[in-house]
């Protein structure tokens, strides 16, 4: 089985790191391993997105501190935290800082693999939505100023007559602009046009 995205394993314990990497590779995942959070961050800009599995207690930067760094850099990763010292405050902090899940050691292989699959599925979904939003933004930029004005009216729920009155043009001209907008935006329906416009203009 091959899934989109790389699983990045971070653990200072060589035996734990190698064992986890072997488990993942045996299941068909692409794996890269690091002996510290610092080593991972040094290569971050050139790494393929996907999933990070990180230990919490490590010399130097901890797994929770790594979560903070990744959040600051808006990185393209879903993070799973492994710990042998799990407690409620730690779990809450990890999840608040963006971790997908926190798993206690010793972990069951099947349970961890299930979380990795969920992480990569979420990564793929986020990436697909970002790509779609980028495409919509580019199409919006291709609209003329007047087409943008008409689109604002459409998104606001105004009728052709209302848009025409506001813009001081004829309803037939509004219909022509509307047809051009639908074509340029590659929208199959009015509801799709409104939905994609709202999503594209939604702040991050």
Protein backbone atom coordinates (compact mmCIF):
# COMPACT_ATOMS: atom_id res chain seq x y z
CA UNK A 1 0.00 0.00 0.00
CA UNK A 2 1.31 3.46 -0.88
CA UNK A 3 -0.18 6.67 0.49
CA UNK A 4 0.48 10.27 -0.50
CA UNK A 5 2.85 12.07 1.82
CA UNK A 6 5.94 11.15 3.81
CA UNK A 7 5.98 9.98 7.43
CA UNK A 8 8.72 11.83 9.31
CA UNK A 9 9.79 9.99 12.48
CA UNK A 10 11.57 11.98 15.20
CA UNK A 11 12.98 10.20 18.25
CA UNK A 12 16.35 10.39 20.00
CA UNK A 13 16.18 6.68 20.94
CA UNK A 14 17.79 4.78 18.07
CA UNK A 15 16.03 1.49 18.84
CA UNK A 16 12.58 3.11 19.06
CA UNK A 17 13.16 5.20 15.94
CA UNK A 18 14.39 2.25 13.88
CA UNK A 19 11.60 -0.04 15.09
CA UNK A 20 8.92 2.51 14.21
CA UNK A 21 10.47 3.20 10.81
CA UNK A 22 10.57 -0.53 10.03
CA UNK A 23 6.91 -0.93 11.01
CA UNK A 24 5.88 1.92 8.71
CA UNK A 25 8.04 0.83 5.78
CA UNK A 26 6.61 -2.69 6.06
CA UNK A 27 3.15 -1.17 5.61
CA UNK A 28 4.21 0.66 2.46
CA UNK A 29 4.75 4.14 3.86
CA UNK A 30 7.59 6.39 2.74
CA UNK A 31 9.61 7.20 5.86
CA UNK A 32 12.34 9.66 6.82
CA UNK A 33 13.87 9.49 10.32
CA UNK A 34 15.61 12.09 12.51
CA UNK A 35 17.33 11.83 15.89
CA UNK A 36 16.18 15.25 17.09
CA UNK A 37 13.60 17.97 16.49
CA UNK A 38 16.43 20.33 15.54
CA UNK A 39 17.64 17.96 12.80
CA UNK A 40 14.11 17.86 11.38
CA UNK A 41 13.68 21.64 11.45
CA UNK A 42 17.04 22.20 9.74
CA UNK A 43 15.70 20.34 6.70
CA UNK A 44 12.08 21.48 6.97
CA UNK A 45 11.97 23.85 4.00
CA UNK A 46 13.04 21.11 1.59
CA UNK A 47 10.89 18.30 2.98
CA UNK A 48 7.81 16.72 1.42
CA UNK A 49 4.64 17.31 3.42
CA UNK A 50 2.77 14.56 5.18
CA UNK A 51 2.84 13.30 8.74
CA UNK A 52 5.22 13.81 11.66
CA UNK A 53 5.55 11.31 14.51
CA UNK A 54 7.54 12.87 17.31
CA UNK A 55 8.56 11.83 20.79
CA UNK A 56 7.80 14.35 23.55
CA UNK A 57 10.79 13.97 25.87
CA UNK A 58 13.98 14.55 23.88
CA UNK A 59 17.28 16.28 24.67
CA UNK A 60 17.17 19.84 23.44
CA UNK A 61 13.87 20.71 21.80
CA UNK A 62 10.87 18.71 23.03
CA UNK A 63 8.02 17.44 20.91
CA UNK A 64 5.71 20.14 22.29
CA UNK A 65 8.23 22.84 21.43
CA UNK A 66 8.45 21.38 17.93
CA UNK A 67 4.67 21.74 17.62
CA UNK A 68 5.02 25.43 18.43
CA UNK A 69 7.68 25.88 15.76
CA UNK A 70 5.63 24.09 13.13
CA UNK A 71 2.57 26.15 13.95
CA UNK A 72 4.60 29.37 13.67
CA UNK A 73 5.83 28.34 10.24
CA UNK A 74 2.40 27.12 9.02
CA UNK A 75 4.00 23.89 7.90
CA UNK A 76 2.35 21.25 5.77
CA UNK A 77 2.28 18.43 8.34
CA UNK A 78 -0.13 16.48 10.51
CA UNK A 79 1.59 15.73 13.83
CA UNK A 80 1.28 12.65 16.04
CA UNK A 81 2.91 12.87 19.46
CA UNK A 82 4.36 9.79 21.17
CA UNK A 83 5.01 9.79 24.90
CA UNK A 84 5.72 7.43 27.76
CA UNK A 85 4.74 10.10 30.25
CA UNK A 86 1.24 10.96 29.12
CA UNK A 87 -0.96 13.07 31.37
CA UNK A 88 -4.07 15.15 30.81
CA UNK A 89 -2.38 18.60 30.78
CA UNK A 90 0.24 17.36 28.30
CA UNK A 91 -2.41 15.89 26.03
CA UNK A 92 -4.46 19.09 26.14
CA UNK A 93 -1.40 21.22 25.36
CA UNK A 94 -0.39 18.98 22.45
CA UNK A 95 -3.87 19.07 20.91
CA UNK A 96 -4.24 22.82 21.43
CA UNK A 97 -0.91 23.31 19.67
CA UNK A 98 -2.09 21.43 16.61
CA UNK A 99 -1.30 17.75 17.22
CA UNK A 100 -3.66 15.35 15.49
CA UNK A 101 -3.31 12.76 18.27
CA UNK A 102 -1.22 11.78 21.30
CA UNK A 103 -0.29 8.12 21.70
CA UNK A 104 1.19 6.53 24.82
CA UNK A 105 4.16 4.18 24.73
CA UNK A 106 4.22 1.25 24.48
CA UNK A 107 1.84 1.58 21.55
CA UNK A 108 0.01 -1.07 19.58
CA UNK A 109 1.24 -1.21 15.99
CA UNK A 110 -2.23 -1.47 14.49
CA UNK A 111 -3.50 1.50 16.46
CA UNK A 112 -0.56 3.68 15.49
CA UNK A 113 -0.85 2.70 11.82
CA UNK A 114 -4.52 3.65 11.88
CA UNK A 115 -3.65 7.12 13.19
CA UNK A 116 -0.91 7.51 10.54
CA UNK A 117 -3.41 6.65 7.79
CA UNK A 118 -5.84 9.20 9.21
CA UNK A 119 -3.08 11.82 9.36
CA UNK A 120 -2.05 11.28 5.73
CA UNK A 121 -5.69 11.28 4.60
CA UNK A 122 -6.18 14.62 6.34
CA UNK A 123 -2.96 15.94 4.81
CA UNK A 124 -4.19 14.98 1.33
CA UNK A 125 -7.56 16.61 1.98
CA UNK A 126 -6.01 19.85 3.21
CA UNK A 127 -3.65 19.92 0.24
CA UNK A 128 -6.50 19.30 -2.23
CA UNK A 129 -8.58 22.08 -0.71
CA UNK A 130 -5.63 24.47 -0.80
CA UNK A 131 -5.03 23.65 -4.48
CA UNK A 132 -8.70 24.16 -5.31
CA UNK A 133 -8.76 27.46 -3.44
CA UNK A 134 -5.65 28.65 -5.25
CA UNK A 135 -7.25 27.84 -8.61
CA UNK A 136 -10.42 29.71 -7.67
CA UNK A 137 -8.38 32.73 -6.56
CA UNK A 138 -6.61 32.79 -9.91
CA UNK A 139 -9.93 32.62 -11.77
CA UNK A 140 -11.33 35.44 -9.63
CA UNK A 141 -8.32 37.54 -10.58
CA UNK A 142 -9.15 37.01 -14.25
CA UNK A 143 -12.53 38.76 -13.91
CA UNK A 144 -12.88 42.31 -15.13
CA UNK A 145 -13.76 45.07 -12.68
CA UNK A 146 -17.38 45.10 -13.87
CA UNK A 147 -17.63 41.31 -13.67
CA UNK A 148 -16.39 41.54 -10.08
CA UNK A 149 -19.12 44.09 -9.35
CA UNK A 150 -21.76 41.76 -10.76
CA UNK A 151 -20.30 38.82 -8.83
CA UNK A 152 -20.58 40.77 -5.58
CA UNK A 153 -24.27 41.25 -6.30
CA UNK A 154 -24.73 37.56 -7.10
CA UNK A 155 -22.99 36.48 -3.89
CA UNK A 156 -25.13 38.93 -1.91
CA UNK A 157 -28.24 37.28 -3.33
CA UNK A 158 -29.37 40.20 -5.48
CA UNK A 159 -31.52 39.62 -8.54
CA UNK A 160 -30.41 40.65 -12.02
CA UNK A 161 -32.74 43.65 -11.85
CA UNK A 162 -31.35 44.71 -8.47
CA UNK A 163 -27.76 44.37 -9.71
CA UNK A 164 -28.63 46.30 -12.86
CA UNK A 165 -30.21 49.11 -10.82
CA UNK A 166 -27.20 49.32 -8.48
CA UNK A 167 -24.68 49.35 -11.34
CA UNK A 168 -26.88 51.49 -13.60
CA UNK A 169 -26.80 48.99 -16.45
CA UNK A 170 -29.53 46.94 -18.12
CA UNK A 171 -30.68 43.54 -16.78
CA UNK A 172 -29.70 42.02 -20.13
CA UNK A 173 -26.16 43.33 -19.68
CA UNK A 174 -26.12 41.79 -16.21
CA UNK A 175 -27.15 38.46 -17.74
CA UNK A 176 -24.26 38.71 -20.21
CA UNK A 177 -21.78 39.45 -17.43
CA UNK A 178 -23.22 36.62 -15.38
CA UNK A 179 -22.72 34.14 -18.23
CA UNK A 180 -19.11 35.30 -18.64
CA UNK A 181 -18.52 34.94 -14.91
CA UNK A 182 -19.89 31.39 -14.86
CA UNK A 183 -17.62 30.46 -17.76
CA UNK A 184 -14.49 32.07 -16.35
CA UNK A 185 -15.05 30.63 -12.87
CA UNK A 186 -15.83 27.18 -14.32
CA UNK A 187 -18.95 26.99 -12.17
CA UNK A 188 -21.61 24.45 -13.10
CA UNK A 189 -24.34 26.20 -11.09
CA UNK A 190 -25.11 29.40 -9.26
CA UNK A 191 -24.74 27.68 -5.89
CA UNK A 192 -21.30 26.37 -6.87
CA UNK A 193 -20.26 29.85 -7.98
CA UNK A 194 -21.31 31.36 -4.65
CA UNK A 195 -19.70 28.57 -2.64
CA UNK A 196 -16.33 28.73 -4.39
CA UNK A 197 -16.27 32.53 -4.19
CA UNK A 198 -16.97 32.55 -0.46
CA UNK A 199 -14.32 29.87 0.17
CA UNK A 200 -11.71 31.70 -1.89
CA UNK A 201 -12.32 34.97 -0.07
CA UNK A 202 -12.44 33.36 3.38
CA UNK A 203 -9.50 34.61 5.48
CA UNK A 204 -6.92 32.02 6.62
